[in-house]
Amino acid sequence: MADIRIHRDHALGLKRAREIAWAWAEQVEEKFDMECTVLEGKTSDTVEFTRSGVKGELIVTADHFELHAKLGLLLGAFKSTIEGEIQKELDGLLAGEAGGRKKTAGKKKPA
């Protein structure tokens, strides 16, 4: 199994970081056929995502995002490509925020 770990610091606060994480979850659901579930907490949220060959979570706090994913045997061969796509999606959302563009997040399935 291959592991992917991505850490991104931000200064968005939990409310806005939560919205960006939900937008990210919507993008990966649509683009990569993932199933995402958001577990909301008082000081952090966890976006759990899964599909055949991939299982992981995105932890969202007031000052950082922490993503950890495990790839199955077949997808492990494409680790660098998959990791690059995840980074691109997350960084794109953060760059949009830095540029002042607002994205609204839809409702995710509560746990």
N, C-alpha and C. Protein backbone atom coordinates (compact mmCIF):
# COMPACT_ATOMS: atom_id res chain seq x y z
N MET A 1 0.84 -1.20 0.00
CA MET A 1 0.00 0.00 0.00
C MET A 1 0.87 1.25 0.00
N ALA A 2 0.47 2.22 -0.76
CA ALA A 2 1.18 3.50 -0.81
C ALA A 2 0.42 4.53 0.02
N ASP A 3 1.16 5.37 0.71
CA ASP A 3 0.57 6.43 1.52
C ASP A 3 0.81 7.78 0.87
N ILE A 4 -0.19 8.64 0.98
CA ILE A 4 -0.06 10.03 0.55
C ILE A 4 -0.34 10.89 1.77
N ARG A 5 0.55 11.84 2.01
CA ARG A 5 0.37 12.80 3.10
C ARG A 5 0.60 14.20 2.55
N ILE A 6 -0.37 15.07 2.79
CA ILE A 6 -0.27 16.45 2.32
C ILE A 6 -0.66 17.36 3.48
N HIS A 7 0.15 18.37 3.73
CA HIS A 7 -0.12 19.35 4.79
C HIS A 7 -0.12 20.74 4.16
N ARG A 8 -1.15 21.52 4.46
CA ARG A 8 -1.21 22.89 3.98
C ARG A 8 -1.63 23.79 5.13
N ASP A 9 -0.77 24.77 5.47
CA ASP A 9 -1.12 25.79 6.46
C ASP A 9 -1.97 26.85 5.79
N HIS A 10 -2.83 27.49 6.57
CA HIS A 10 -3.65 28.59 6.06
C HIS A 10 -4.01 29.51 7.22
N ALA A 11 -4.58 30.64 6.90
CA ALA A 11 -5.02 31.59 7.93
C ALA A 11 -6.49 31.93 7.71
N LEU A 12 -7.28 30.94 7.37
CA LEU A 12 -8.68 31.15 6.98
C LEU A 12 -9.66 31.11 8.15
N GLY A 13 -9.28 30.50 9.23
CA GLY A 13 -10.24 30.25 10.30
C GLY A 13 -11.05 29.00 9.96
N LEU A 14 -11.69 28.43 10.96
CA LEU A 14 -12.39 27.16 10.76
C LEU A 14 -13.59 27.28 9.83
N LYS A 15 -14.35 28.34 9.95
CA LYS A 15 -15.56 28.47 9.12
C LYS A 15 -15.22 28.45 7.63
N ARG A 16 -14.28 29.28 7.22
CA ARG A 16 -13.93 29.35 5.79
C ARG A 16 -13.17 28.10 5.35
N ALA A 17 -12.31 27.57 6.21
CA ALA A 17 -11.59 26.33 5.87
C ALA A 17 -12.57 25.19 5.66
N ARG A 18 -13.61 25.15 6.47
CA ARG A 18 -14.66 24.14 6.35
C ARG A 18 -15.34 24.26 4.97
N GLU A 19 -15.65 25.46 4.55
CA GLU A 19 -16.28 25.67 3.24
C GLU A 19 -15.38 25.20 2.11
N ILE A 20 -14.10 25.49 2.21
CA ILE A 20 -13.14 25.06 1.19
C ILE A 20 -13.01 23.54 1.17
N ALA A 21 -12.98 22.94 2.34
CA ALA A 21 -12.89 21.47 2.41
C ALA A 21 -14.12 20.83 1.79
N TRP A 22 -15.29 21.40 2.00
CA TRP A 22 -16.51 20.86 1.41
C TRP A 22 -16.48 21.02 -0.10
N ALA A 23 -15.96 22.16 -0.58
CA ALA A 23 -15.84 22.36 -2.02
C ALA A 23 -14.85 21.35 -2.61
N TRP A 24 -13.76 21.08 -1.89
CA TRP A 24 -12.80 20.08 -2.34
C TRP A 24 -13.46 18.70 -2.41
N ALA A 25 -14.24 18.38 -1.38
CA ALA A 25 -14.92 17.09 -1.35
C ALA A 25 -15.88 16.96 -2.54
N GLU A 26 -16.58 18.02 -2.87
CA GLU A 26 -17.48 17.98 -4.02
C GLU A 26 -16.71 17.75 -5.31
N GLN A 27 -15.55 18.39 -5.43
CA GLN A 27 -14.74 18.22 -6.64
C GLN A 27 -14.24 16.79 -6.78
N VAL A 28 -13.74 16.19 -5.70
CA VAL A 28 -13.22 14.83 -5.82
C VAL A 28 -14.34 13.81 -5.99
N GLU A 29 -15.51 14.11 -5.44
CA GLU A 29 -16.66 13.22 -5.67
C GLU A 29 -16.99 13.19 -7.16
N GLU A 30 -17.03 14.36 -7.76
CA GLU A 30 -17.40 14.46 -9.18
C GLU A 30 -16.28 13.97 -10.09
N LYS A 31 -15.06 14.43 -9.85
CA LYS A 31 -13.96 14.15 -10.76
C LYS A 31 -13.40 12.74 -10.62
N PHE A 32 -13.37 12.20 -9.39
CA PHE A 32 -12.73 10.92 -9.14
C PHE A 32 -13.68 9.85 -8.61
N ASP A 33 -14.97 10.14 -8.63
CA ASP A 33 -15.99 9.20 -8.19
C ASP A 33 -15.77 8.75 -6.75
N MET A 34 -15.33 9.68 -5.90
CA MET A 34 -15.13 9.39 -4.48
C MET A 34 -16.46 9.51 -3.76
N GLU A 35 -16.56 8.85 -2.63
CA GLU A 35 -17.67 9.07 -1.73
C GLU A 35 -17.10 9.76 -0.50
N CYS A 36 -17.64 10.93 -0.18
CA CYS A 36 -17.12 11.73 0.93
C CYS A 36 -18.18 11.90 2.01
N THR A 37 -17.73 11.88 3.24
CA THR A 37 -18.58 12.13 4.40
C THR A 37 -17.86 13.12 5.29
N VAL A 38 -18.58 14.14 5.74
CA VAL A 38 -17.99 15.15 6.61
C VAL A 38 -18.42 14.89 8.05
N LEU A 39 -17.45 14.81 8.93
CA LEU A 39 -17.69 14.68 10.36
C LEU A 39 -17.34 16.02 11.00
N GLU A 40 -18.34 16.78 11.38
CA GLU A 40 -18.09 18.11 11.93
C GLU A 40 -17.79 18.02 13.41
N GLY A 41 -16.79 18.79 13.82
CA GLY A 41 -16.41 18.86 15.22
C GLY A 41 -16.39 20.30 15.69
N LYS A 42 -16.09 20.49 16.95
CA LYS A 42 -16.06 21.83 17.52
C LYS A 42 -14.83 22.62 17.06
N THR A 43 -13.67 21.96 17.04
CA THR A 43 -12.42 22.64 16.68
C THR A 43 -11.82 22.14 15.37
N SER A 44 -12.39 21.08 14.81
CA SER A 44 -11.90 20.56 13.53
C SER A 44 -12.99 19.70 12.89
N ASP A 45 -12.87 19.50 11.60
CA ASP A 45 -13.74 18.60 10.85
C ASP A 45 -12.86 17.53 10.20
N THR A 46 -13.48 16.42 9.88
CA THR A 46 -12.79 15.37 9.14
C THR A 46 -13.64 15.02 7.94
N VAL A 47 -13.04 15.11 6.76
CA VAL A 47 -13.69 14.68 5.53
C VAL A 47 -13.13 13.30 5.21
N GLU A 48 -13.96 12.29 5.36
CA GLU A 48 -13.54 10.93 5.01
C GLU A 48 -13.90 10.69 3.55
N PHE A 49 -12.96 10.11 2.81
CA PHE A 49 -13.22 9.84 1.39
C PHE A 49 -12.80 8.42 1.06
N THR A 50 -13.54 7.82 0.13
CA THR A 50 -13.25 6.45 -0.24
C THR A 50 -13.77 6.16 -1.64
N ARG A 51 -13.14 5.22 -2.26
CA ARG A 51 -13.57 4.59 -3.50
C ARG A 51 -12.73 3.34 -3.65
N SER A 52 -13.01 2.55 -4.61
CA SER A 52 -12.25 1.33 -4.80
C SER A 52 -10.76 1.65 -4.93
N GLY A 53 -9.95 1.10 -4.02
CA GLY A 53 -8.51 1.29 -4.08
C GLY A 53 -7.98 2.51 -3.36
N VAL A 54 -8.87 3.34 -2.78
CA VAL A 54 -8.44 4.56 -2.08
C VAL A 54 -9.29 4.74 -0.82
N LYS A 55 -8.61 5.08 0.27
CA LYS A 55 -9.31 5.41 1.50
C LYS A 55 -8.49 6.46 2.22
N GLY A 56 -9.16 7.51 2.71
CA GLY A 56 -8.39 8.53 3.41
C GLY A 56 -9.26 9.52 4.13
N GLU A 57 -8.59 10.54 4.65
CA GLU A 57 -9.29 11.60 5.36
C GLU A 57 -8.54 12.91 5.20
N LEU A 58 -9.33 13.98 5.23
CA LEU A 58 -8.80 15.34 5.22
C LEU A 58 -9.24 15.97 6.53
N ILE A 59 -8.28 16.31 7.37
CA ILE A 59 -8.58 16.97 8.64
C ILE A 59 -8.48 18.47 8.42
N VAL A 60 -9.52 19.17 8.84
CA VAL A 60 -9.64 20.60 8.61
C VAL A 60 -9.64 21.30 9.97
N THR A 61 -8.69 22.22 10.16
CA THR A 61 -8.65 23.01 11.40
C THR A 61 -8.64 24.49 11.02
N ALA A 62 -8.64 25.33 12.04
CA ALA A 62 -8.65 26.77 11.81
C ALA A 62 -7.38 27.27 11.13
N ASP A 63 -6.29 26.47 11.18
CA ASP A 63 -5.03 26.97 10.61
C ASP A 63 -4.31 26.00 9.67
N HIS A 64 -4.87 24.80 9.43
CA HIS A 64 -4.21 23.91 8.47
C HIS A 64 -5.16 22.81 7.96
N PHE A 65 -4.76 22.24 6.85
CA PHE A 65 -5.39 21.05 6.29
C PHE A 65 -4.36 19.92 6.38
N GLU A 66 -4.80 18.73 6.75
CA GLU A 66 -3.91 17.57 6.83
C GLU A 66 -4.62 16.41 6.13
N LEU A 67 -4.06 15.96 5.01
CA LEU A 67 -4.66 14.88 4.25
C LEU A 67 -3.79 13.64 4.35
N HIS A 68 -4.44 12.51 4.58
CA HIS A 68 -3.76 11.23 4.58
C HIS A 68 -4.61 10.26 3.78
N ALA A 69 -4.00 9.59 2.81
CA ALA A 69 -4.72 8.62 1.99
C ALA A 69 -3.88 7.36 1.83
N LYS A 70 -4.55 6.24 1.79
CA LYS A 70 -3.91 4.96 1.51
C LYS A 70 -4.41 4.47 0.17
N LEU A 71 -3.46 4.12 -0.70
CA LEU A 71 -3.79 3.61 -2.02
C LEU A 71 -3.60 2.10 -2.03
N GLY A 72 -4.52 1.42 -2.65
CA GLY A 72 -4.40 -0.03 -2.79
C GLY A 72 -3.28 -0.39 -3.74
N LEU A 73 -3.06 -1.67 -3.88
CA LEU A 73 -1.94 -2.18 -4.67
C LEU A 73 -1.94 -1.65 -6.11
N LEU A 74 -3.06 -1.71 -6.78
CA LEU A 74 -3.11 -1.27 -8.18
C LEU A 74 -2.90 0.23 -8.33
N LEU A 75 -3.54 1.03 -7.48
CA LEU A 75 -3.39 2.48 -7.58
C LEU A 75 -2.06 2.97 -7.03
N GLY A 76 -1.42 2.16 -6.19
CA GLY A 76 -0.13 2.55 -5.63
C GLY A 76 0.91 2.84 -6.71
N ALA A 77 0.79 2.19 -7.84
CA ALA A 77 1.71 2.43 -8.95
C ALA A 77 1.57 3.84 -9.52
N PHE A 78 0.43 4.48 -9.25
CA PHE A 78 0.16 5.82 -9.76
C PHE A 78 0.21 6.87 -8.65
N LYS A 79 0.92 6.55 -7.58
CA LYS A 79 0.95 7.44 -6.41
C LYS A 79 1.30 8.88 -6.76
N SER A 80 2.36 9.10 -7.51
CA SER A 80 2.79 10.47 -7.79
C SER A 80 1.75 11.23 -8.60
N THR A 81 1.10 10.57 -9.54
CA THR A 81 0.06 11.22 -10.35
C THR A 81 -1.14 11.57 -9.48
N ILE A 82 -1.56 10.63 -8.65
CA ILE A 82 -2.71 10.85 -7.78
C ILE A 82 -2.41 11.94 -6.77
N GLU A 83 -1.23 11.89 -6.18
CA GLU A 83 -0.84 12.91 -5.21
C GLU A 83 -0.82 14.29 -5.86
N GLY A 84 -0.31 14.37 -7.08
CA GLY A 84 -0.28 15.64 -7.81
C GLY A 84 -1.68 16.18 -8.07
N GLU A 85 -2.61 15.31 -8.43
CA GLU A 85 -3.99 15.73 -8.67
C GLU A 85 -4.66 16.24 -7.40
N ILE A 86 -4.43 15.54 -6.29
CA ILE A 86 -5.01 15.98 -5.01
C ILE A 86 -4.45 17.34 -4.64
N GLN A 87 -3.13 17.51 -4.77
CA GLN A 87 -2.51 18.79 -4.46
C GLN A 87 -3.07 19.89 -5.35
N LYS A 88 -3.22 19.58 -6.63
CA LYS A 88 -3.73 20.57 -7.59
C LYS A 88 -5.14 21.03 -7.20
N GLU A 89 -6.01 20.09 -6.84
CA GLU A 89 -7.37 20.44 -6.46
C GLU A 89 -7.39 21.30 -5.20
N LEU A 90 -6.66 20.88 -4.17
CA LEU A 90 -6.63 21.61 -2.91
C LEU A 90 -5.95 22.97 -3.07
N ASP A 91 -4.81 23.00 -3.74
CA ASP A 91 -4.10 24.26 -3.95
C ASP A 91 -4.91 25.23 -4.80
N GLY A 92 -5.65 24.70 -5.77
CA GLY A 92 -6.51 25.55 -6.59
C GLY A 92 -7.57 26.25 -5.76
N LEU A 93 -8.17 25.53 -4.84
CA LEU A 93 -9.16 26.14 -3.96
C LEU A 93 -8.53 27.18 -3.04
N LEU A 94 -7.35 26.87 -2.50
CA LEU A 94 -6.66 27.83 -1.63
C LEU A 94 -6.20 29.06 -2.41
N ALA A 95 -5.74 28.87 -3.64
CA ALA A 95 -5.32 29.99 -4.47
C ALA A 95 -6.51 30.89 -4.79
N GLY A 96 -7.64 30.28 -5.06
CA GLY A 96 -8.86 31.04 -5.32
C GLY A 96 -9.23 31.89 -4.11
N GLU A 97 -9.03 31.33 -2.93
CA GLU A 97 -9.30 32.07 -1.70
C GLU A 97 -8.34 33.23 -1.54
N ALA A 98 -7.07 33.00 -1.86
CA ALA A 98 -6.06 34.05 -1.74
C ALA A 98 -6.34 35.18 -2.72
N GLY A 99 -6.93 34.84 -3.85
CA GLY A 99 -7.27 35.85 -4.85
C GLY A 99 -8.59 36.54 -4.56
N GLY A 100 -9.26 36.15 -3.47
CA GLY A 100 -10.49 36.81 -3.10
C GLY A 100 -11.74 36.19 -3.70
N ARG A 101 -11.59 35.14 -4.50
CA ARG A 101 -12.74 34.49 -5.12
C ARG A 101 -13.41 33.62 -4.07
N LYS A 102 -14.72 33.71 -4.00
CA LYS A 102 -15.47 32.92 -3.03
C LYS A 102 -16.11 31.74 -3.73
N LYS A 103 -16.03 30.58 -3.12
CA LYS A 103 -16.71 29.38 -3.61
C LYS A 103 -17.67 28.95 -2.53
N THR A 104 -18.87 28.59 -2.91
CA THR A 104 -19.81 28.10 -1.91
C THR A 104 -19.81 26.59 -1.93
N ALA A 105 -19.92 26.05 -0.76
CA ALA A 105 -19.92 24.59 -0.64
C ALA A 105 -21.35 24.11 -0.47
N GLY A 106 -21.65 23.02 -1.11
CA GLY A 106 -22.96 22.39 -0.97
C GLY A 106 -22.98 21.58 0.32
N LYS A 107 -24.10 20.96 0.56
CA LYS A 107 -24.25 20.13 1.75
C LYS A 107 -23.61 18.77 1.55
N LYS A 108 -22.80 18.35 2.48
CA LYS A 108 -22.19 17.03 2.46
C LYS A 108 -23.02 16.13 3.34
N LYS A 109 -22.87 14.85 3.16
CA LYS A 109 -23.59 13.88 3.97
C LYS A 109 -23.07 13.92 5.40
N PRO A 110 -23.93 14.17 6.38
CA PRO A 110 -23.46 14.12 7.76
C PRO A 110 -23.22 12.69 8.17
N ALA A 111 -22.34 12.53 9.11
CA ALA A 111 -22.02 11.17 9.60
C ALA A 111 -23.06 10.70 10.59
